């Protein structure tokens, strides 16, 4: 997301100019990736239960403000820019054998839950205030950049309330 503001003032006597730009990017990813053997009877050579979470948030927040004042007398100018990126990722990644399952194998039993999720937040703000005057000039520029990340993903690999026998 991009926001921009420009203010230009030209005067023979006095000039008063202000520009303000603000950008707010909000992203939320919530979900569930599950590989589950639930309330089942499994007889196999091997058993692999795999869950992979790979959610991505790619956020750009850019704000720019510019004032340009020119006067034969007095110039007053101000520019303000603010950019904020708020990102929330709340997922559940689960690989499980549960619910009274009965698993019997002649080889390995493997469970894997992996979270490869990623949040990339790029935030930029810029403010410029220029004044040219034959008398006096006062200018101020303020730029603020913020980013907030809430990463609350739960990753589980479990055997719960089930029987698992692996022989080799």
N, C-alpha and C. Protein backbone atom coordinates (compact mmCIF):
# COMPACT_ATOMS: atom_id res chain seq x y z
N UNK A 1 0.84 -1.17 0.00
CA UNK A 1 0.00 0.00 0.00
C UNK A 1 0.88 1.24 0.00
N UNK A 2 0.47 2.25 -0.75
CA UNK A 2 1.24 3.48 -0.86
C UNK A 2 0.31 4.67 -0.70
N UNK A 3 0.75 5.65 0.07
CA UNK A 3 0.04 6.93 0.13
C UNK A 3 1.05 8.05 -0.06
N UNK A 4 0.60 9.12 -0.70
CA UNK A 4 1.48 10.26 -0.94
C UNK A 4 0.67 11.54 -0.86
N UNK A 5 1.32 12.60 -0.36
CA UNK A 5 0.68 13.92 -0.30
C UNK A 5 1.72 14.96 -0.69
N UNK A 6 1.29 15.93 -1.51
CA UNK A 6 2.16 17.00 -1.96
C UNK A 6 1.42 18.32 -1.80
N UNK A 7 2.11 19.31 -1.26
CA UNK A 7 1.55 20.66 -1.14
C UNK A 7 2.60 21.65 -1.63
N UNK A 8 2.17 22.51 -2.58
CA UNK A 8 3.08 23.52 -3.13
C UNK A 8 2.40 24.88 -3.00
N UNK A 9 3.11 25.83 -2.43
CA UNK A 9 2.58 27.18 -2.27
C UNK A 9 3.55 28.21 -2.80
N UNK A 10 3.04 29.11 -3.63
CA UNK A 10 3.85 30.21 -4.18
C UNK A 10 3.09 31.51 -3.92
N UNK A 11 3.80 32.51 -3.39
CA UNK A 11 3.12 33.75 -3.05
C UNK A 11 4.10 34.91 -3.05
N UNK A 12 3.58 36.11 -3.34
CA UNK A 12 4.40 37.31 -3.25
C UNK A 12 4.51 37.81 -1.82
N UNK A 13 3.52 37.48 -0.96
CA UNK A 13 3.51 37.99 0.41
C UNK A 13 3.83 36.89 1.43
N UNK A 14 3.00 35.83 1.51
CA UNK A 14 3.19 34.78 2.50
C UNK A 14 2.63 33.47 2.01
N UNK A 15 3.16 32.37 2.52
CA UNK A 15 2.72 31.05 2.09
C UNK A 15 2.63 30.13 3.30
N UNK A 16 1.52 29.38 3.39
CA UNK A 16 1.29 28.41 4.46
C UNK A 16 0.90 27.09 3.80
N UNK A 17 1.72 26.04 4.00
CA UNK A 17 1.49 24.77 3.31
C UNK A 17 1.73 23.59 4.24
N UNK A 18 0.82 22.59 4.14
CA UNK A 18 0.95 21.36 4.93
C UNK A 18 0.56 20.17 4.07
N UNK A 19 1.24 19.06 4.27
CA UNK A 19 0.92 17.81 3.58
C UNK A 19 1.03 16.66 4.57
N UNK A 20 0.02 15.77 4.56
CA UNK A 20 0.00 14.62 5.46
C UNK A 20 -0.36 13.37 4.66
N UNK A 21 0.41 12.31 4.85
CA UNK A 21 0.14 11.03 4.20
C UNK A 21 0.21 9.92 5.25
N UNK A 22 -0.73 8.98 5.19
CA UNK A 22 -0.75 7.87 6.14
C UNK A 22 -1.14 6.58 5.42
N UNK A 23 -0.47 5.50 5.77
CA UNK A 23 -0.76 4.18 5.20
C UNK A 23 -0.85 3.18 6.34
N UNK A 24 -1.91 2.35 6.32
CA UNK A 24 -2.06 1.28 7.30
C UNK A 24 -2.35 -0.01 6.54
N UNK A 25 -1.44 -0.98 6.66
CA UNK A 25 -1.62 -2.30 6.05
C UNK A 25 -1.92 -3.29 7.17
N UNK A 26 -3.06 -3.99 7.07
CA UNK A 26 -3.43 -4.99 8.07
C UNK A 26 -3.63 -6.33 7.37
N UNK A 27 -2.94 -7.35 7.86
CA UNK A 27 -3.02 -8.68 7.27
C UNK A 27 -3.21 -9.71 8.36
N UNK A 28 -4.16 -10.62 8.14
CA UNK A 28 -4.41 -11.70 9.09
C UNK A 28 -4.52 -13.01 8.33
N UNK A 29 -3.76 -14.00 8.77
CA UNK A 29 -3.85 -15.35 8.22
C UNK A 29 -4.17 -16.28 9.37
N UNK A 30 -5.28 -17.02 9.22
CA UNK A 30 -5.68 -18.01 10.22
C UNK A 30 -6.07 -19.27 9.47
N UNK A 31 -5.64 -20.41 9.97
CA UNK A 31 -6.01 -21.64 9.29
C UNK A 31 -5.53 -22.85 10.03
N UNK A 32 -5.73 -23.99 9.38
CA UNK A 32 -5.38 -25.25 10.00
C UNK A 32 -4.88 -26.20 8.92
N UNK A 33 -3.76 -26.85 9.21
CA UNK A 33 -3.24 -27.92 8.36
C UNK A 33 -3.13 -29.15 9.24
N UNK A 34 -3.88 -30.19 8.89
CA UNK A 34 -3.92 -31.36 9.74
C UNK A 34 -3.75 -32.64 8.92
N UNK A 35 -2.93 -33.53 9.44
CA UNK A 35 -2.81 -34.90 8.93
C UNK A 35 -3.09 -35.79 10.13
N UNK A 36 -4.25 -36.46 10.13
CA UNK A 36 -4.72 -37.13 11.35
C UNK A 36 -5.20 -38.54 11.03
N UNK A 37 -4.76 -39.48 11.86
CA UNK A 37 -5.36 -40.81 11.90
C UNK A 37 -6.25 -40.78 13.13
N UNK A 38 -7.56 -40.84 12.93
CA UNK A 38 -8.50 -40.64 14.03
C UNK A 38 -9.51 -41.80 14.08
N UNK A 39 -9.56 -42.47 15.23
CA UNK A 39 -10.51 -43.57 15.45
C UNK A 39 -10.45 -44.59 14.33
N UNK A 40 -9.22 -45.00 14.00
CA UNK A 40 -9.02 -45.90 12.85
C UNK A 40 -8.17 -47.10 13.24
N UNK A 41 -8.33 -48.20 12.47
CA UNK A 41 -7.47 -49.37 12.57
C UNK A 41 -6.57 -49.36 11.35
N UNK A 42 -5.25 -49.37 11.59
CA UNK A 42 -4.29 -49.32 10.49
C UNK A 42 -3.31 -50.48 10.65
N UNK A 43 -3.22 -51.33 9.60
CA UNK A 43 -2.21 -52.38 9.51
C UNK A 43 -1.43 -52.10 8.24
N UNK A 44 -0.11 -51.80 8.40
CA UNK A 44 0.68 -51.41 7.24
C UNK A 44 2.13 -51.78 7.45
N UNK A 45 2.90 -51.72 6.35
CA UNK A 45 4.34 -51.94 6.45
C UNK A 45 4.97 -50.79 7.23
N UNK A 46 4.67 -49.57 6.83
CA UNK A 46 5.14 -48.37 7.54
C UNK A 46 4.01 -47.36 7.54
N UNK A 47 4.14 -46.35 8.40
CA UNK A 47 3.14 -45.28 8.44
C UNK A 47 3.85 -43.96 8.68
N UNK A 48 3.59 -43.00 7.81
CA UNK A 48 4.13 -41.66 7.95
C UNK A 48 2.96 -40.67 7.93
N UNK A 49 2.86 -39.84 8.96
CA UNK A 49 1.82 -38.82 9.06
C UNK A 49 2.54 -37.47 9.09
N UNK A 50 2.33 -36.65 8.05
CA UNK A 50 3.08 -35.40 7.90
C UNK A 50 2.13 -34.23 7.64
N UNK A 51 2.35 -33.14 8.38
CA UNK A 51 1.60 -31.89 8.16
C UNK A 51 2.61 -30.77 7.99
N UNK A 52 2.44 -29.98 6.93
CA UNK A 52 3.34 -28.87 6.63
C UNK A 52 2.54 -27.59 6.50
N UNK A 53 2.87 -26.58 7.31
CA UNK A 53 2.26 -25.25 7.20
C UNK A 53 3.24 -24.31 6.54
N UNK A 54 2.80 -23.62 5.49
CA UNK A 54 3.70 -22.69 4.80
C UNK A 54 2.98 -21.42 4.37
N UNK A 55 2.21 -20.85 5.28
CA UNK A 55 1.50 -19.61 5.00
C UNK A 55 2.49 -18.45 4.87
N UNK A 56 2.13 -17.46 4.06
CA UNK A 56 3.01 -16.31 3.82
C UNK A 56 2.21 -15.01 3.90
N UNK A 57 2.76 -14.05 4.62
CA UNK A 57 2.28 -12.66 4.57
C UNK A 57 3.42 -11.82 4.05
N UNK A 58 3.17 -11.09 2.98
CA UNK A 58 4.16 -10.16 2.41
C UNK A 58 3.49 -8.79 2.38
N UNK A 59 3.92 -7.91 3.27
CA UNK A 59 3.25 -6.63 3.46
C UNK A 59 4.19 -5.46 3.18
N UNK A 60 3.72 -4.51 2.39
CA UNK A 60 4.46 -3.28 2.12
C UNK A 60 3.57 -2.10 2.50
N UNK A 61 4.09 -1.21 3.31
CA UNK A 61 3.38 0.02 3.69
C UNK A 61 4.33 1.19 3.47
N UNK A 62 3.94 2.09 2.57
CA UNK A 62 4.80 3.22 2.20
C UNK A 62 3.98 4.51 2.27
N UNK A 63 4.54 5.53 2.91
CA UNK A 63 3.90 6.84 2.97
C UNK A 63 4.95 7.92 2.72
N UNK A 64 4.58 8.94 1.92
CA UNK A 64 5.50 10.03 1.62
C UNK A 64 4.72 11.35 1.58
N UNK A 65 5.31 12.39 2.16
CA UNK A 65 4.69 13.72 2.16
C UNK A 65 5.75 14.76 1.81
N UNK A 66 5.35 15.75 0.99
CA UNK A 66 6.27 16.79 0.54
C UNK A 66 5.55 18.14 0.53
N UNK A 67 6.19 19.14 1.14
CA UNK A 67 5.70 20.52 0.98
C UNK A 67 6.83 21.36 0.40
N UNK A 68 6.43 22.28 -0.45
CA UNK A 68 7.35 23.22 -1.06
C UNK A 68 6.70 24.59 -1.00
N UNK A 69 7.33 25.52 -0.29
CA UNK A 69 6.78 26.86 -0.11
C UNK A 69 7.79 27.88 -0.61
N UNK A 70 7.28 28.87 -1.34
CA UNK A 70 8.14 29.96 -1.80
C UNK A 70 7.36 31.26 -1.69
N UNK A 71 8.02 32.29 -1.14
CA UNK A 71 7.31 33.54 -0.91
C UNK A 71 8.32 34.69 -0.84
N UNK A 72 7.84 35.87 -1.19
CA UNK A 72 8.66 37.07 -1.02
C UNK A 72 8.67 37.51 0.43
N UNK A 73 7.68 37.05 1.21
CA UNK A 73 7.58 37.46 2.62
C UNK A 73 7.93 36.31 3.56
N UNK A 74 6.92 35.62 4.09
CA UNK A 74 7.08 34.59 5.10
C UNK A 74 6.53 33.26 4.57
N UNK A 75 7.23 32.16 4.84
CA UNK A 75 6.71 30.83 4.51
C UNK A 75 6.66 29.98 5.76
N UNK A 76 5.57 29.23 5.90
CA UNK A 76 5.41 28.23 6.96
C UNK A 76 5.00 26.93 6.26
N UNK A 77 5.73 25.86 6.53
CA UNK A 77 5.42 24.59 5.88
C UNK A 77 5.61 23.42 6.81
N UNK A 78 4.83 22.39 6.55
CA UNK A 78 4.96 21.17 7.35
C UNK A 78 4.59 19.95 6.52
N UNK A 79 5.28 18.86 6.77
CA UNK A 79 5.00 17.59 6.10
C UNK A 79 5.03 16.48 7.14
N UNK A 80 4.05 15.60 7.06
CA UNK A 80 3.99 14.46 7.98
C UNK A 80 3.65 13.20 7.22
N UNK A 81 4.36 12.12 7.49
CA UNK A 81 4.09 10.84 6.85
C UNK A 81 4.16 9.74 7.89
N UNK A 82 3.23 8.80 7.80
CA UNK A 82 3.22 7.67 8.72
C UNK A 82 2.83 6.40 7.99
N UNK A 83 3.55 5.32 8.25
CA UNK A 83 3.26 4.01 7.66
C UNK A 83 3.26 2.97 8.77
N UNK A 84 2.24 2.11 8.77
CA UNK A 84 2.10 1.09 9.79
C UNK A 84 1.68 -0.22 9.14
N UNK A 85 2.33 -1.31 9.51
CA UNK A 85 1.99 -2.63 9.00
C UNK A 85 1.70 -3.53 10.19
N UNK A 86 0.45 -4.03 10.29
CA UNK A 86 0.04 -4.93 11.36
C UNK A 86 -0.22 -6.30 10.75
N UNK A 87 0.49 -7.32 11.25
CA UNK A 87 0.40 -8.65 10.67
C UNK A 87 0.15 -9.69 11.75
N UNK A 88 -0.86 -10.52 11.54
CA UNK A 88 -1.23 -11.56 12.49
C UNK A 88 -1.27 -12.90 11.77
N UNK A 89 -0.55 -13.88 12.33
CA UNK A 89 -0.60 -15.24 11.79
C UNK A 89 -0.94 -16.17 12.94
N UNK A 90 -2.03 -16.90 12.80
CA UNK A 90 -2.52 -17.76 13.86
C UNK A 90 -2.99 -19.07 13.22
N UNK A 91 -2.10 -20.04 13.14
CA UNK A 91 -2.40 -21.31 12.48
C UNK A 91 -2.21 -22.47 13.45
N UNK A 92 -2.81 -23.59 13.09
CA UNK A 92 -2.59 -24.85 13.80
C UNK A 92 -2.08 -25.85 12.77
N UNK A 93 -0.93 -26.45 13.05
CA UNK A 93 -0.35 -27.48 12.20
C UNK A 93 -0.24 -28.73 13.05
N UNK A 94 -0.92 -29.80 12.62
CA UNK A 94 -0.99 -31.00 13.47
C UNK A 94 -0.81 -32.26 12.65
N UNK A 95 0.06 -33.15 13.13
CA UNK A 95 0.20 -34.51 12.64
C UNK A 95 -0.05 -35.41 13.84
N UNK A 96 -1.09 -36.25 13.76
CA UNK A 96 -1.42 -37.01 14.96
C UNK A 96 -2.07 -38.36 14.65
N UNK A 97 -1.95 -39.21 15.66
CA UNK A 97 -2.69 -40.46 15.74
C UNK A 97 -3.48 -40.33 17.03
N UNK A 98 -4.81 -40.41 16.94
CA UNK A 98 -5.61 -40.12 18.13
C UNK A 98 -6.97 -40.82 18.06
N UNK A 99 -7.77 -40.56 19.08
CA UNK A 99 -9.16 -41.00 19.09
C UNK A 99 -9.34 -42.50 19.18
N UNK A 100 -8.44 -43.18 19.90
CA UNK A 100 -8.59 -44.62 20.06
C UNK A 100 -8.14 -45.42 18.85
N UNK A 101 -7.29 -44.84 18.03
CA UNK A 101 -6.79 -45.57 16.85
C UNK A 101 -5.93 -46.75 17.27
N UNK A 102 -5.90 -47.78 16.42
CA UNK A 102 -5.08 -48.97 16.65
C UNK A 102 -4.18 -49.12 15.43
N UNK A 103 -2.88 -48.83 15.62
CA UNK A 103 -1.92 -48.84 14.52
C UNK A 103 -0.91 -49.96 14.76
N UNK A 104 -0.72 -50.77 13.72
CA UNK A 104 0.25 -51.85 13.79
C UNK A 104 1.04 -51.86 12.49
N UNK A 105 2.38 -51.79 12.59
CA UNK A 105 3.22 -51.80 11.40
C UNK A 105 4.36 -52.80 11.57
N UNK A 106 4.89 -53.24 10.45
CA UNK A 106 6.08 -54.11 10.48
C UNK A 106 7.34 -53.27 10.31
N UNK A 107 7.20 -51.95 10.19
CA UNK A 107 8.33 -51.04 10.06
C UNK A 107 8.10 -49.80 10.91
N UNK A 108 8.62 -48.70 10.43
CA UNK A 108 8.61 -47.46 11.21
C UNK A 108 7.25 -46.75 11.19
N UNK A 109 7.02 -46.03 12.26
CA UNK A 109 5.89 -45.09 12.35
C UNK A 109 6.52 -43.72 12.59
N UNK A 110 6.19 -42.77 11.72
CA UNK A 110 6.77 -41.43 11.84
C UNK A 110 5.68 -40.37 11.79
N UNK A 111 5.80 -39.41 12.69
CA UNK A 111 4.90 -38.25 12.70
C UNK A 111 5.76 -37.00 12.59
N UNK A 112 5.34 -36.05 11.74
CA UNK A 112 6.09 -34.80 11.59
C UNK A 112 5.13 -33.65 11.32
N UNK A 113 5.24 -32.64 12.14
CA UNK A 113 4.49 -31.39 11.94
C UNK A 113 5.52 -30.28 11.81
N UNK A 114 5.48 -29.56 10.70
CA UNK A 114 6.50 -28.54 10.42
C UNK A 114 5.82 -27.22 10.03
N UNK A 115 6.32 -26.15 10.64
CA UNK A 115 5.82 -24.82 10.30
C UNK A 115 6.92 -24.06 9.57
N UNK A 116 6.69 -23.75 8.29
CA UNK A 116 7.63 -22.97 7.50
C UNK A 116 7.00 -21.64 7.09
N UNK A 117 6.05 -21.17 7.86
CA UNK A 117 5.35 -19.92 7.56
C UNK A 117 6.30 -18.73 7.68
N UNK A 118 5.93 -17.63 7.01
CA UNK A 118 6.82 -16.47 6.95
C UNK A 118 6.01 -15.18 6.91
N UNK A 119 6.49 -14.19 7.65
CA UNK A 119 5.94 -12.84 7.58
C UNK A 119 7.06 -11.90 7.16
N UNK A 120 6.84 -11.17 6.06
CA UNK A 120 7.80 -10.19 5.57
C UNK A 120 7.09 -8.85 5.51
N UNK A 121 7.48 -7.93 6.38
CA UNK A 121 6.86 -6.61 6.44
C UNK A 121 7.90 -5.54 6.13
N UNK A 122 7.68 -4.81 5.04
CA UNK A 122 8.54 -3.69 4.67
C UNK A 122 7.76 -2.40 4.87
N UNK A 123 8.29 -1.51 5.71
CA UNK A 123 7.60 -0.27 6.05
C UNK A 123 8.56 0.90 5.81
N UNK A 124 8.07 1.91 5.10
CA UNK A 124 8.89 3.08 4.78
C UNK A 124 8.03 4.33 4.83
N UNK A 125 8.54 5.36 5.47
CA UNK A 125 7.87 6.67 5.43
C UNK A 125 8.93 7.74 5.24
N UNK A 126 8.56 8.78 4.51
CA UNK A 126 9.47 9.90 4.27
C UNK A 126 8.67 11.20 4.24
N UNK A 127 9.24 12.24 4.84
CA UNK A 127 8.60 13.55 4.85
C UNK A 127 9.66 14.61 4.57
N UNK A 128 9.33 15.55 3.67
CA UNK A 128 10.25 16.63 3.32
C UNK A 128 9.45 17.92 3.27
N UNK A 129 9.99 18.96 3.90
CA UNK A 129 9.37 20.29 3.87
C UNK A 129 10.45 21.31 3.53
N UNK A 130 10.27 21.99 2.40
CA UNK A 130 11.24 22.98 1.94
C UNK A 130 10.58 24.35 1.86
N UNK A 131 11.27 25.37 2.32
CA UNK A 131 10.75 26.74 2.26
C UNK A 131 11.80 27.71 1.75
N UNK A 132 11.39 28.55 0.83
CA UNK A 132 12.27 29.59 0.28
C UNK A 132 11.55 30.91 0.46
N UNK A 133 12.25 31.90 1.05
CA UNK A 133 11.57 33.15 1.38
C UNK A 133 12.53 34.32 1.33
N UNK A 134 11.96 35.49 0.98
CA UNK A 134 12.73 36.73 1.04
C UNK A 134 12.76 37.28 2.45
N UNK A 135 11.77 36.87 3.30
CA UNK A 135 11.69 37.37 4.67
C UNK A 135 12.11 36.31 5.68
N UNK A 136 11.26 35.34 5.95
CA UNK A 136 11.55 34.30 6.93
C UNK A 136 10.86 33.00 6.53
N UNK A 137 11.39 31.90 7.00
CA UNK A 137 10.84 30.60 6.65
C UNK A 137 10.93 29.66 7.84
N UNK A 138 9.84 28.94 8.11
CA UNK A 138 9.83 27.92 9.16
C UNK A 138 9.19 26.66 8.58
N UNK A 139 9.89 25.54 8.70
CA UNK A 139 9.42 24.28 8.13
C UNK A 139 9.69 23.15 9.10
N UNK A 140 8.79 22.17 9.11
CA UNK A 140 8.98 20.99 9.93
C UNK A 140 8.55 19.77 9.12
N UNK A 141 9.26 18.67 9.31
CA UNK A 141 8.92 17.41 8.66
C UNK A 141 9.05 16.29 9.67
N UNK A 142 8.04 15.40 9.70
CA UNK A 142 8.03 14.27 10.63
C UNK A 142 7.62 13.02 9.86
N UNK A 143 8.39 11.94 10.03
CA UNK A 143 8.08 10.66 9.41
C UNK A 143 8.13 9.57 10.48
N UNK A 144 7.11 8.70 10.49
CA UNK A 144 7.04 7.62 11.47
C UNK A 144 6.73 6.31 10.73
N UNK A 145 7.50 5.26 11.05
CA UNK A 145 7.27 3.93 10.50
C UNK A 145 7.12 2.94 11.65
N UNK A 146 6.07 2.11 11.58
CA UNK A 146 5.81 1.11 12.62
C UNK A 146 5.50 -0.23 11.96
N UNK A 147 5.87 -1.29 12.63
CA UNK A 147 5.42 -2.61 12.21
C UNK A 147 5.10 -3.43 13.45
N UNK A 148 4.04 -4.21 13.36
CA UNK A 148 3.60 -5.06 14.46
C UNK A 148 3.39 -6.47 13.91
N UNK A 149 3.96 -7.47 14.60
CA UNK A 149 3.82 -8.86 14.18
C UNK A 149 3.33 -9.68 15.36
N UNK A 150 2.24 -10.42 15.16
CA UNK A 150 1.71 -11.35 16.16
C UNK A 150 1.72 -12.73 15.52
N UNK A 151 2.69 -13.55 15.92
CA UNK A 151 2.86 -14.88 15.34
C UNK A 151 2.50 -15.89 16.41
N UNK A 152 1.32 -16.50 16.28
CA UNK A 152 0.80 -17.39 17.33
C UNK A 152 0.47 -18.76 16.78
N UNK A 153 1.33 -19.33 15.98
CA UNK A 153 1.06 -20.63 15.38
C UNK A 153 1.40 -21.75 16.36
N UNK A 154 0.53 -22.77 16.38
CA UNK A 154 0.71 -23.93 17.24
C UNK A 154 1.06 -25.13 16.36
N UNK A 155 2.17 -25.79 16.65
CA UNK A 155 2.63 -26.94 15.86
C UNK A 155 2.67 -28.17 16.76
N UNK A 156 1.95 -29.23 16.34
CA UNK A 156 1.81 -30.43 17.17
C UNK A 156 2.10 -31.69 16.36
N UNK A 157 2.87 -32.61 16.93
CA UNK A 157 3.01 -33.97 16.43
C UNK A 157 2.78 -34.86 17.65
N UNK A 158 1.69 -35.65 17.63
CA UNK A 158 1.35 -36.37 18.85
C UNK A 158 0.62 -37.67 18.59
N UNK A 159 0.76 -38.55 19.59
CA UNK A 159 -0.05 -39.77 19.66
C UNK A 159 -0.85 -39.64 20.94
N UNK A 160 -2.17 -39.70 20.83
CA UNK A 160 -3.03 -39.46 21.99
C UNK A 160 -4.13 -40.51 22.05
N UNK A 161 -4.24 -41.17 23.19
CA UNK A 161 -5.31 -42.14 23.45
C UNK A 161 -5.42 -43.18 22.34
N UNK A 162 -4.26 -43.71 21.91
CA UNK A 162 -4.23 -44.69 20.83
C UNK A 162 -3.16 -45.73 21.10
N UNK A 163 -3.27 -46.85 20.39
CA UNK A 163 -2.28 -47.91 20.50
C UNK A 163 -1.45 -47.93 19.22
N UNK A 164 -0.12 -47.86 19.37
CA UNK A 164 0.77 -47.91 18.22
C UNK A 164 1.83 -48.97 18.50
N UNK A 165 1.91 -49.97 17.61
CA UNK A 165 2.91 -51.02 17.72
C UNK A 165 3.66 -51.07 16.39
N UNK A 166 4.97 -50.86 16.48
CA UNK A 166 5.84 -50.93 15.30
C UNK A 166 6.89 -51.99 15.56
N UNK A 167 6.92 -53.04 14.74
CA UNK A 167 7.89 -54.09 14.92
C UNK A 167 8.74 -54.20 13.65
N UNK A 168 9.99 -54.62 13.86
CA UNK A 168 10.84 -54.80 12.68
C UNK A 168 11.75 -55.99 12.85
